[in-house]
Protein backbone atom coordinates (compact mmCIF):
# COMPACT_ATOMS: atom_id res chain seq x y z
CA UNK A 1 31.41 -17.40 -12.03
CA UNK A 2 29.34 -17.16 -15.18
CA UNK A 3 27.03 -14.34 -16.24
CA UNK A 4 23.68 -14.10 -14.50
CA UNK A 5 21.82 -11.56 -16.56
CA UNK A 6 21.87 -8.44 -18.69
CA UNK A 7 22.12 -5.82 -15.98
CA UNK A 8 23.40 -5.51 -12.45
CA UNK A 9 22.57 -3.28 -9.51
CA UNK A 10 24.20 -2.62 -6.15
CA UNK A 11 23.20 -0.53 -3.17
CA UNK A 12 26.07 0.76 -1.02
CA UNK A 13 25.27 1.98 2.49
CA UNK A 14 27.74 4.01 4.54
CA UNK A 15 27.68 4.32 8.35
CA UNK A 16 30.12 5.69 10.89
CA UNK A 17 31.93 3.49 13.40
CA UNK A 18 29.04 3.85 15.87
CA UNK A 19 26.53 2.54 13.34
CA UNK A 20 24.96 5.93 12.55
CA UNK A 21 23.71 6.26 9.00
CA UNK A 22 25.78 8.61 6.84
CA UNK A 23 24.51 8.04 3.34
CA UNK A 24 23.88 5.57 0.55
CA UNK A 25 24.40 5.27 -3.15
CA UNK A 26 23.43 2.96 -5.98
CA UNK A 27 25.13 1.70 -9.13
CA UNK A 28 23.81 -0.15 -12.16
CA UNK A 29 25.75 -1.67 -15.05
CA UNK A 30 24.52 -2.91 -18.39
CA UNK A 31 25.58 -5.95 -20.40
CA UNK A 32 26.33 -9.46 -19.23
CA UNK A 33 27.11 -9.32 -15.52
CA UNK A 34 28.91 -11.79 -13.28
CA UNK A 35 29.40 -11.63 -9.54
CA UNK A 36 32.99 -10.43 -9.62
CA UNK A 37 32.38 -7.50 -11.97
CA UNK A 38 29.32 -6.40 -10.04
CA UNK A 39 31.18 -6.53 -6.73
CA UNK A 40 34.01 -4.52 -8.30
CA UNK A 41 31.56 -1.85 -9.39
CA UNK A 42 30.07 -1.84 -5.90
CA UNK A 43 33.52 -1.30 -4.40
CA UNK A 44 34.21 1.57 -6.79
CA UNK A 45 30.90 3.14 -5.80
CA UNK A 46 31.83 2.69 -2.13
CA UNK A 47 35.11 4.53 -2.76
CA UNK A 48 33.27 7.39 -4.48
CA UNK A 49 30.74 7.57 -1.66
CA UNK A 50 33.48 7.64 0.95
CA UNK A 51 35.20 10.51 -0.87
CA UNK A 52 31.91 12.46 -1.21
CA UNK A 53 31.21 12.13 2.51
CA UNK A 54 34.84 12.72 3.50
CA UNK A 55 34.56 9.82 5.94
CA UNK A 56 37.41 8.66 8.14
CA UNK A 57 35.71 5.82 10.02
CA UNK A 58 33.02 4.26 7.86
CA UNK A 59 31.29 0.92 7.51
CA UNK A 60 30.56 0.01 3.91
CA UNK A 61 27.81 -2.58 3.48
CA UNK A 62 27.11 -3.62 -0.11
CA UNK A 63 23.99 -5.40 -1.35
CA UNK A 64 24.43 -6.57 -4.94
CA UNK A 65 22.10 -8.25 -7.37
CA UNK A 66 22.01 -9.36 -10.99
CA UNK A 67 18.88 -8.74 -13.02
CA UNK A 68 17.84 -9.41 -16.59
CA UNK A 69 16.63 -6.67 -18.91
CA UNK A 70 13.06 -7.07 -17.64
CA UNK A 71 14.10 -6.40 -14.06
CA UNK A 72 13.73 -10.01 -12.92
CA UNK A 73 15.93 -10.83 -9.98
CA UNK A 74 18.06 -13.84 -10.92
CA UNK A 75 20.59 -13.87 -8.13
CA UNK A 76 21.52 -11.91 -5.03
CA UNK A 77 25.22 -11.89 -4.26
CA UNK A 78 26.55 -11.32 -0.76
CA UNK A 79 30.09 -9.97 -0.69
CA UNK A 80 32.50 -12.42 0.91
CA UNK A 81 34.48 -10.99 3.81
CA UNK A 82 37.78 -12.21 2.37
CA UNK A 83 37.04 -10.61 -1.00
CA UNK A 84 36.07 -7.34 0.61
CA UNK A 85 39.21 -7.41 2.72
CA UNK A 86 41.41 -7.65 -0.36
CA UNK A 87 39.47 -4.89 -2.10
CA UNK A 88 39.70 -2.61 0.92
CA UNK A 89 43.43 -3.12 1.07
CA UNK A 90 43.49 -1.82 -2.49
CA UNK A 91 41.22 1.02 -1.38
CA UNK A 92 43.75 1.90 1.31
CA UNK A 93 46.43 2.24 -1.33
CA UNK A 94 44.22 4.33 -3.59
CA UNK A 95 42.91 6.67 -0.92
CA UNK A 96 45.97 6.85 1.30
CA UNK A 97 45.85 6.09 4.98
CA UNK A 98 42.81 3.84 4.87
CA UNK A 99 43.06 0.28 6.15
CA UNK A 100 40.77 -2.67 6.83
CA UNK A 101 39.88 -3.86 10.31
CA UNK A 102 37.99 -7.17 10.68
CA UNK A 103 34.71 -7.16 12.57
CA UNK A 104 30.99 -7.78 12.16
CA UNK A 105 30.97 -5.40 9.20
CA UNK A 106 33.54 -4.18 6.70
CA UNK A 107 35.31 -1.34 8.51
CA UNK A 108 37.51 1.38 7.04
CA UNK A 109 39.75 3.33 9.39
CA UNK A 110 41.81 6.35 8.55
CA UNK A 111 43.07 9.75 9.64
CA UNK A 112 41.23 11.43 12.48
CA UNK A 113 38.56 13.89 11.38
CA UNK A 114 34.88 14.36 11.95
CA UNK A 115 32.78 12.83 9.18
CA UNK A 116 30.07 15.30 8.15
CA UNK A 117 26.41 14.31 8.45
CA UNK A 118 24.32 14.88 5.38
CA UNK A 119 21.03 16.77 5.51
CA UNK A 120 18.75 13.75 5.89
CA UNK A 121 18.74 13.75 9.70
CA UNK A 122 15.31 15.40 9.80
CA UNK A 123 13.81 12.38 8.07
CA UNK A 124 15.45 9.97 10.53
CA UNK A 125 14.42 12.08 13.53
CA UNK A 126 10.78 12.44 12.58
CA UNK A 127 10.44 8.70 11.95
CA UNK A 128 11.79 7.96 15.43
CA UNK A 129 9.75 10.69 17.06
CA UNK A 130 6.43 8.92 17.67
CA UNK A 131 5.16 5.34 17.91
CA UNK A 132 2.70 6.04 15.10
CA UNK A 133 5.51 7.17 12.84
CA UNK A 134 7.61 4.14 13.73
CA UNK A 135 4.69 1.86 12.92
CA UNK A 136 4.54 3.37 9.43
CA UNK A 137 8.08 2.12 8.82
CA UNK A 138 9.48 -1.30 8.13
CA UNK A 139 13.14 -0.29 8.32
CA UNK A 140 15.16 2.93 8.55
CA UNK A 141 15.28 4.80 5.31
CA UNK A 142 18.50 4.59 3.31
CA UNK A 143 18.40 7.67 1.08
CA UNK A 144 21.09 8.49 -1.40
CA UNK A 145 23.03 11.67 -0.67
CA UNK A 146 23.12 13.99 -3.61
CA UNK A 147 23.58 17.59 -4.59
CA UNK A 148 21.11 19.81 -6.39
CA UNK A 149 23.55 20.11 -9.29
CA UNK A 150 23.09 16.41 -10.02
CA UNK A 151 19.61 17.04 -11.40
CA UNK A 152 18.33 19.27 -14.18
CA UNK A 153 14.67 20.19 -13.73
CA UNK A 154 12.61 19.81 -16.91
CA UNK A 155 8.94 20.32 -16.01
CA UNK A 156 6.27 20.00 -13.33
CA UNK A 157 4.25 16.80 -13.74
CA UNK A 158 2.14 16.93 -10.59
CA UNK A 159 1.40 18.91 -7.45
CA UNK A 160 -0.53 18.50 -4.23
CA UNK A 161 -0.71 19.67 -0.65
CA UNK A 162 2.49 17.72 0.11
CA UNK A 163 4.59 19.43 -2.57
CA UNK A 164 5.49 19.15 -6.24
CA UNK A 165 6.58 16.34 -8.56
CA UNK A 166 9.06 17.24 -11.31
CA UNK A 167 10.40 15.44 -14.34
CA UNK A 168 14.17 15.86 -14.09
CA UNK A 169 17.31 14.58 -15.75
CA UNK A 170 20.08 13.00 -13.71
CA UNK A 171 23.21 14.72 -15.03
CA UNK A 172 25.38 11.81 -13.87
CA UNK A 173 23.55 9.09 -15.82
CA UNK A 174 21.34 10.96 -18.28
CA UNK A 175 18.31 9.08 -16.91
CA UNK A 176 14.97 10.86 -16.78
CA UNK A 177 13.50 10.46 -13.29
CA UNK A 178 10.52 11.73 -11.34
CA UNK A 179 11.43 13.85 -8.31
CA UNK A 180 8.93 14.43 -5.51
CA UNK A 181 9.85 17.51 -3.47
CA UNK A 182 8.20 17.99 -0.09
CA UNK A 183 7.00 21.55 0.29
CA UNK A 184 8.62 23.33 3.24
CA UNK A 185 5.90 24.28 5.73
CA UNK A 186 5.60 25.58 9.26
CA UNK A 187 1.95 24.64 9.74
CA UNK A 188 0.64 21.80 11.86
CA UNK A 189 0.66 19.31 8.98
CA UNK A 190 4.38 19.61 8.30
CA UNK A 191 5.32 16.82 10.70
CA UNK A 192 2.70 14.48 9.24
CA UNK A 193 3.86 15.15 5.69
CA UNK A 194 7.45 14.53 6.69
CA UNK A 195 6.48 11.31 8.47
CA UNK A 196 4.56 10.06 5.41
CA UNK A 197 7.46 11.08 3.20
CA UNK A 198 9.93 9.12 5.33
CA UNK A 199 7.56 6.13 5.33
CA UNK A 200 7.44 6.22 1.53
CA UNK A 201 11.24 6.29 1.26
CA UNK A 202 11.50 3.34 3.63
CA UNK A 203 8.76 1.33 1.89
CA UNK A 204 10.18 1.91 -1.59
CA UNK A 205 13.62 0.82 -0.41
CA UNK A 206 12.10 -2.32 1.14
CA UNK A 207 10.15 -3.14 -2.05
CA UNK A 208 13.03 -2.32 -4.39
CA UNK A 209 13.45 -4.76 -7.25
CA UNK A 210 9.85 -5.72 -7.98
CA UNK A 211 8.82 -4.84 -11.55
CA UNK A 212 5.29 -3.82 -10.52
CA UNK A 213 6.42 -1.27 -7.93
CA UNK A 214 8.11 2.00 -8.86
CA UNK A 215 11.85 1.95 -8.18
CA UNK A 216 13.63 4.55 -6.01
CA UNK A 217 16.69 6.34 -7.38
CA UNK A 218 17.78 8.77 -4.66
CA UNK A 219 16.51 10.71 -1.66
CA UNK A 220 17.73 13.41 0.67
CA UNK A 221 17.50 17.18 0.92
CA UNK A 222 17.84 19.93 -1.67
CA UNK A 223 18.18 23.05 0.39
CA UNK A 224 15.31 23.04 2.89
CA UNK A 225 13.18 20.57 0.91
CA UNK A 226 13.23 16.79 1.33
CA UNK A 227 13.10 15.00 -2.01
CA UNK A 228 12.60 11.51 -3.39
CA UNK A 229 13.75 10.64 -6.91
CA UNK A 230 12.15 7.63 -8.58
CA UNK A 231 12.20 6.04 -11.99
CA UNK A 232 10.06 7.96 -14.47
CA UNK A 233 7.30 5.65 -15.66
CA UNK A 234 4.46 7.52 -17.34
CA UNK A 235 0.92 8.74 -16.64
CA UNK A 236 -1.33 7.38 -13.93
CA UNK A 237 -3.82 4.63 -14.64
CA UNK A 238 -6.55 7.16 -13.79
CA UNK A 239 -5.31 9.48 -16.54
CA UNK A 240 -5.21 6.63 -19.05
CA UNK A 241 -8.73 5.50 -18.13
CA UNK A 242 -10.14 9.02 -18.39
CA UNK A 243 -8.14 10.79 -21.10
CA UNK A 244 -6.77 7.99 -23.28
CA UNK A 245 -9.59 5.44 -23.20
CA UNK A 246 -12.27 8.09 -22.47
CA UNK A 247 -14.05 5.79 -20.05
CA UNK A 248 -14.15 2.82 -22.45
CA UNK A 249 -14.18 -0.53 -20.70
CA UNK A 250 -11.20 -2.84 -20.66
CA UNK A 251 -11.74 -6.34 -21.96
CA UNK A 252 -11.58 -9.25 -19.56
CA UNK A 253 -8.25 -10.32 -21.05
CA UNK A 254 -6.81 -6.82 -20.56
CA UNK A 255 -8.07 -6.72 -16.99
CA UNK A 256 -6.59 -10.13 -16.29
CA UNK A 257 -3.16 -8.96 -17.42
CA UNK A 258 -3.37 -5.70 -15.45
CA UNK A 259 -4.73 -7.31 -12.30
CA UNK A 260 -2.00 -9.92 -12.27
CA UNK A 261 0.62 -7.17 -12.18
CA UNK A 262 -1.21 -5.25 -9.45
CA UNK A 263 -1.81 -8.36 -7.34
CA UNK A 264 1.83 -9.42 -7.73
CA UNK A 265 3.06 -6.00 -6.59
CA UNK A 266 0.71 -5.91 -3.59
CA UNK A 267 1.58 -9.51 -2.70
CA UNK A 268 5.24 -8.52 -2.63
CA UNK A 269 4.44 -5.68 -0.22
CA UNK A 270 2.29 -7.94 1.97
CA UNK A 271 5.02 -10.59 2.09
CA UNK A 272 7.36 -7.90 3.37
CA UNK A 273 4.87 -7.11 6.12
CA UNK A 274 3.57 -3.90 4.53
CA UNK A 275 0.08 -2.63 3.74
CA UNK A 276 -0.21 -0.01 1.01
CA UNK A 277 -3.50 1.39 2.36
CA UNK A 278 -4.10 3.83 -0.50
CA UNK A 279 -4.41 1.72 -3.64
CA UNK A 280 -6.35 3.45 -6.42
CA UNK A 281 -5.84 4.20 -10.14
CA UNK A 282 -4.24 7.55 -9.22
CA UNK A 283 -1.44 5.65 -7.44
CA UNK A 284 -0.66 3.30 -10.31
CA UNK A 285 1.59 4.37 -13.19
CA UNK A 286 1.49 3.05 -16.78
CA UNK A 287 4.66 2.76 -18.87
CA UNK A 288 4.84 3.01 -22.65
CA UNK A 289 4.40 -0.77 -22.97
CA UNK A 290 1.19 -0.79 -20.94
CA UNK A 291 2.81 -2.29 -17.84
CA UNK A 292 1.72 -1.07 -14.40
CA UNK A 293 3.77 0.10 -11.43
CA UNK A 294 2.36 0.83 -7.99
CA UNK A 295 3.50 4.16 -6.54
CA UNK A 296 2.81 6.65 -3.72
CA UNK A 297 3.58 4.49 -0.69
CA UNK A 298 3.31 7.40 1.74
CA UNK A 299 0.43 5.79 3.68
CA UNK A 300 2.04 2.35 3.73
CA UNK A 301 2.24 0.74 7.14
CA UNK A 302 4.27 -2.07 8.69
CA UNK A 303 2.30 -4.91 10.23
CA UNK A 304 5.27 -5.97 12.35
CA UNK A 305 4.02 -4.32 15.56
CA UNK A 306 0.40 -5.29 15.06
CA UNK A 307 -2.75 -3.18 15.55
CA UNK A 308 -4.21 -0.77 16.32
CA UNK A 309 -3.59 1.04 13.04
CA UNK A 310 -4.70 4.54 12.06
CA UNK A 311 -8.21 5.10 10.78
CA UNK A 312 -9.44 7.02 8.82
CA UNK A 313 -6.84 6.22 6.20
CA UNK A 314 -6.76 5.98 2.41
CA UNK A 315 -9.12 7.47 -0.16
CA UNK A 316 -12.88 7.42 -0.01
CA UNK A 317 -14.26 5.05 -2.63
CA UNK A 318 -11.45 2.54 -2.14
CA UNK A 319 -11.78 1.95 1.61
CA UNK A 320 -12.90 -1.51 2.71
CA UNK A 321 -16.14 -1.85 4.71
CA UNK A 322 -14.24 -2.51 7.93
CA UNK A 323 -12.46 0.84 7.52
CA UNK A 324 -15.76 2.60 6.90
CA UNK A 325 -17.03 1.04 10.12
CA UNK A 326 -14.10 2.54 12.04
CA UNK A 327 -12.08 -0.64 12.55
CA UNK A 328 -8.43 -0.21 13.64
CA UNK A 329 -7.72 -3.94 13.85
CA UNK A 330 -7.43 -4.45 10.10
CA UNK A 331 -4.79 -6.18 7.97
CA UNK A 332 -3.64 -6.63 4.35
CA UNK A 333 -7.21 -7.49 3.31
CA UNK A 334 -7.86 -3.74 2.99
CA UNK A 335 -5.49 -3.79 0.01
CA UNK A 336 -7.39 -6.75 -1.49
CA UNK A 337 -10.65 -4.75 -1.33
CA UNK A 338 -9.07 -1.78 -3.12
CA UNK A 339 -7.82 -4.14 -5.85
CA UNK A 340 -11.35 -5.49 -6.23
CA UNK A 341 -12.71 -1.96 -6.67
CA UNK A 342 -10.06 -1.26 -9.31
CA UNK A 343 -10.88 -4.53 -11.11
CA UNK A 344 -14.57 -3.60 -11.22
CA UNK A 345 -13.68 -0.09 -12.40
CA UNK A 346 -11.53 -1.41 -15.25
CA UNK A 347 -14.25 -3.81 -16.37
CA UNK A 348 -17.17 -1.38 -16.14
CA UNK A 349 -15.40 1.86 -17.06
CA UNK A 350 -16.77 3.50 -13.93
CA UNK A 351 -16.60 3.19 -10.14
CA UNK A 352 -19.06 0.60 -8.76
CA UNK A 353 -19.83 2.44 -5.49
CA UNK A 354 -19.65 6.18 -6.02
CA UNK A 355 -20.97 7.87 -2.89
CA UNK A 356 -20.51 11.38 -1.54
CA UNK A 357 -19.54 10.34 1.99
CA UNK A 358 -18.25 7.31 3.87
CA UNK A 359 -21.75 6.47 5.06
CA UNK A 360 -23.16 6.75 1.54
CA UNK A 361 -20.29 4.60 0.23
CA UNK A 362 -21.04 1.90 2.77
CA UNK A 363 -24.74 2.08 1.94
CA UNK A 364 -24.09 1.61 -1.77
CA UNK A 365 -21.73 -1.29 -1.04
CA UNK A 366 -24.35 -3.07 1.06
CA UNK A 367 -27.10 -2.30 -1.47
CA UNK A 368 -25.14 -4.27 -4.06
CA UNK A 369 -23.34 -6.90 -1.97
CA UNK A 370 -25.94 -7.44 0.75
CA UNK A 371 -25.61 -7.40 4.52
CA UNK A 372 -25.26 -11.12 5.26
CA UNK A 373 -21.52 -11.20 4.65
CA UNK A 374 -20.58 -8.25 6.88
CA UNK A 375 -22.79 -9.57 9.70
CA UNK A 376 -20.74 -12.79 9.76
CA UNK A 377 -17.56 -10.80 10.42
CA UNK A 378 -16.27 -11.28 13.97
CA UNK A 379 -15.65 -7.52 14.23
CA UNK A 380 -19.28 -6.61 13.52
CA UNK A 381 -20.83 -5.26 16.71
CA UNK A 382 -24.47 -5.30 15.70
CA UNK A 383 -24.64 -1.61 14.82
CA UNK A 384 -27.27 -0.35 12.41
CA UNK A 385 -26.04 -0.52 8.83
CA UNK A 386 -26.89 1.97 6.07
CA UNK A 387 -28.33 0.85 2.76
CA UNK A 388 -30.98 -1.68 1.89
CA UNK A 389 -32.06 -4.71 3.86
CA UNK A 390 -31.33 -7.42 1.30
CA UNK A 391 -29.06 -10.18 2.53
CA UNK A 392 -27.68 -11.56 -0.73
CA UNK A 393 -25.32 -10.08 -3.31
CA UNK A 394 -26.38 -8.69 -6.70
CA UNK A 395 -22.81 -8.30 -7.96
CA UNK A 396 -23.25 -10.94 -10.67
CA UNK A 397 -26.04 -8.84 -12.18
CA UNK A 398 -23.50 -6.06 -12.79
CA UNK A 399 -20.92 -8.39 -14.33
CA UNK A 400 -22.86 -11.17 -16.08
CA UNK A 401 -21.65 -13.99 -18.29
CA UNK A 402 -21.06 -13.37 -21.98
CA UNK A 403 -24.53 -14.08 -23.39
CA UNK A 404 -26.37 -12.00 -20.82
CA UNK A 405 -23.81 -9.20 -21.05
CA UNK A 406 -24.41 -8.82 -24.80
CA UNK A 407 -28.15 -8.58 -24.27
CA UNK A 408 -27.90 -5.94 -21.53
CA UNK A 409 -24.84 -4.05 -22.74
CA UNK A 410 -22.92 -4.84 -19.55
CA UNK A 411 -19.25 -5.81 -19.08
CA UNK A 412 -18.51 -9.47 -19.75
CA UNK A 413 -16.93 -11.62 -17.08
CA UNK A 414 -16.48 -15.37 -17.22
CA UNK A 415 -17.21 -17.46 -14.15
CA UNK A 416 -13.53 -17.76 -13.19
CA UNK A 417 -13.11 -13.98 -13.39
CA UNK A 418 -16.22 -13.41 -11.32
CA UNK A 419 -14.86 -15.74 -8.65
CA UNK A 420 -11.82 -13.47 -8.31
CA UNK A 421 -13.85 -10.25 -8.35
CA UNK A 422 -16.39 -11.47 -5.82
CA UNK A 423 -13.60 -12.94 -3.70
CA UNK A 424 -11.81 -9.58 -3.51
CA UNK A 425 -15.08 -7.75 -2.82
CA UNK A 426 -16.18 -9.76 0.20
CA UNK A 427 -17.55 -7.44 2.88
CA UNK A 428 -16.30 -9.86 5.52
CA UNK A 429 -12.49 -9.37 5.56
CA UNK A 430 -12.03 -12.80 7.16
CA UNK A 431 -13.41 -14.39 3.98
CA UNK A 432 -11.88 -11.94 1.50
CA UNK A 433 -9.22 -13.24 -0.87
CA UNK A 434 -5.64 -12.27 -0.16
CA UNK A 435 -3.44 -11.41 -3.13
CA UNK A 436 -1.61 -14.69 -2.51
CA UNK A 437 -4.87 -16.63 -2.88
CA UNK A 438 -6.08 -14.56 -5.81
CA UNK A 439 -2.93 -15.17 -7.87
CA UNK A 440 -3.32 -18.93 -7.41
CA UNK A 441 -6.80 -18.82 -8.92
CA UNK A 442 -7.38 -20.54 -12.26
CA UNK A 443 -8.48 -17.24 -13.84
CA UNK A 444 -4.91 -15.98 -13.90
CA UNK A 445 -3.70 -19.17 -15.57
CA UNK A 446 -6.27 -19.58 -18.31
CA UNK A 447 -4.93 -16.81 -20.57
CA UNK A 448 -1.23 -17.40 -19.82
CA UNK A 449 -0.56 -13.78 -18.78
CA UNK A 450 2.84 -12.20 -19.11
CA UNK A 451 5.27 -13.49 -16.52
CA UNK A 452 5.71 -11.26 -13.50
CA UNK A 453 8.16 -11.91 -10.68
CA UNK A 454 6.37 -12.50 -7.42
């Protein structure tokens, strides 16, 4: 089989004979990659993982892919059972006493001993503990077992109520990664933080491979602290907007390129049945080439089980009108609204609806966009709305065409761009653009933006 790309990646998952999760690992190789060499590397990683876990009865499931040097997925290779059987026979010779037994998965059997569980059980247990926690998950997390000695801490790059984010070096690969460590706590919020942390691990694993979403590297426990290691990207979009551009507006062309990346990343999540639910410039990272990567998926939620979903959720200023009205029967359109806010913020250099409370936010939204749209929503119950009484939208006045913008000193936005902005900022979620619809709009095709896998 010929080469598929310039890099390859494989995820190896290890379970015991009863199907209980034991651990996982990942391997990447550079240079021209074909299926056989990538599978061989996956098998070697499986051997190393088995030795680390000291397993005696383990299922090794390998998911391999070839990617080019931009991270574009070119092929996904499923290991053939016959090939794995031959490789596991070799593994038996190398490890001594291991043999292959056919079955629904690739099974290693060996000398009797009790395989040790790694310290990730707390994450698995808390996810399974409540229906709300299970709804925040798409699939069980598959964290990579690791030891604290694998990472060399360099500096603190962020902190919050949940814990601390460090810039660290992986001693095994030399890669600089970002490590989020959950702060150990005995207070009432500890379970919620752990649930959100587990949801983020699961969501990142599910979204792995998309160039506009931050990539996971490892997860597990370091002492008493749960951790998640991710690729190190760069500062947040908020930091760039405030401290690099000093509030200067982005041009329409720049916004088009940035929004295409954000919409593509969110579309990927939505296609997987996930809502991000906390999109904002603080949760978008910017690399040294100006490319964007969505991060902080701790509030992400699976749509597989359907509503009701939690509310309040997200960050004030980026919550859709239906959330501000207390709706729990929402969907991926809440992500579309947040993208519309970010688009307006990039164009204008400031937030379009900056209130001091949810009610004030909703009032400012309706002052600008009018009340007619929200009143057509099937979920509107006739309640009194804050803000002015005008029915129509004044959004175009804030983002006029080129001639008018020059006269008034306002951000310029061509008609096609305004169609996207106004489509994302529909108060009625039933008429709001999805990311799928937005990316098909002519605005994203007029400037021939950089290609992004979707």
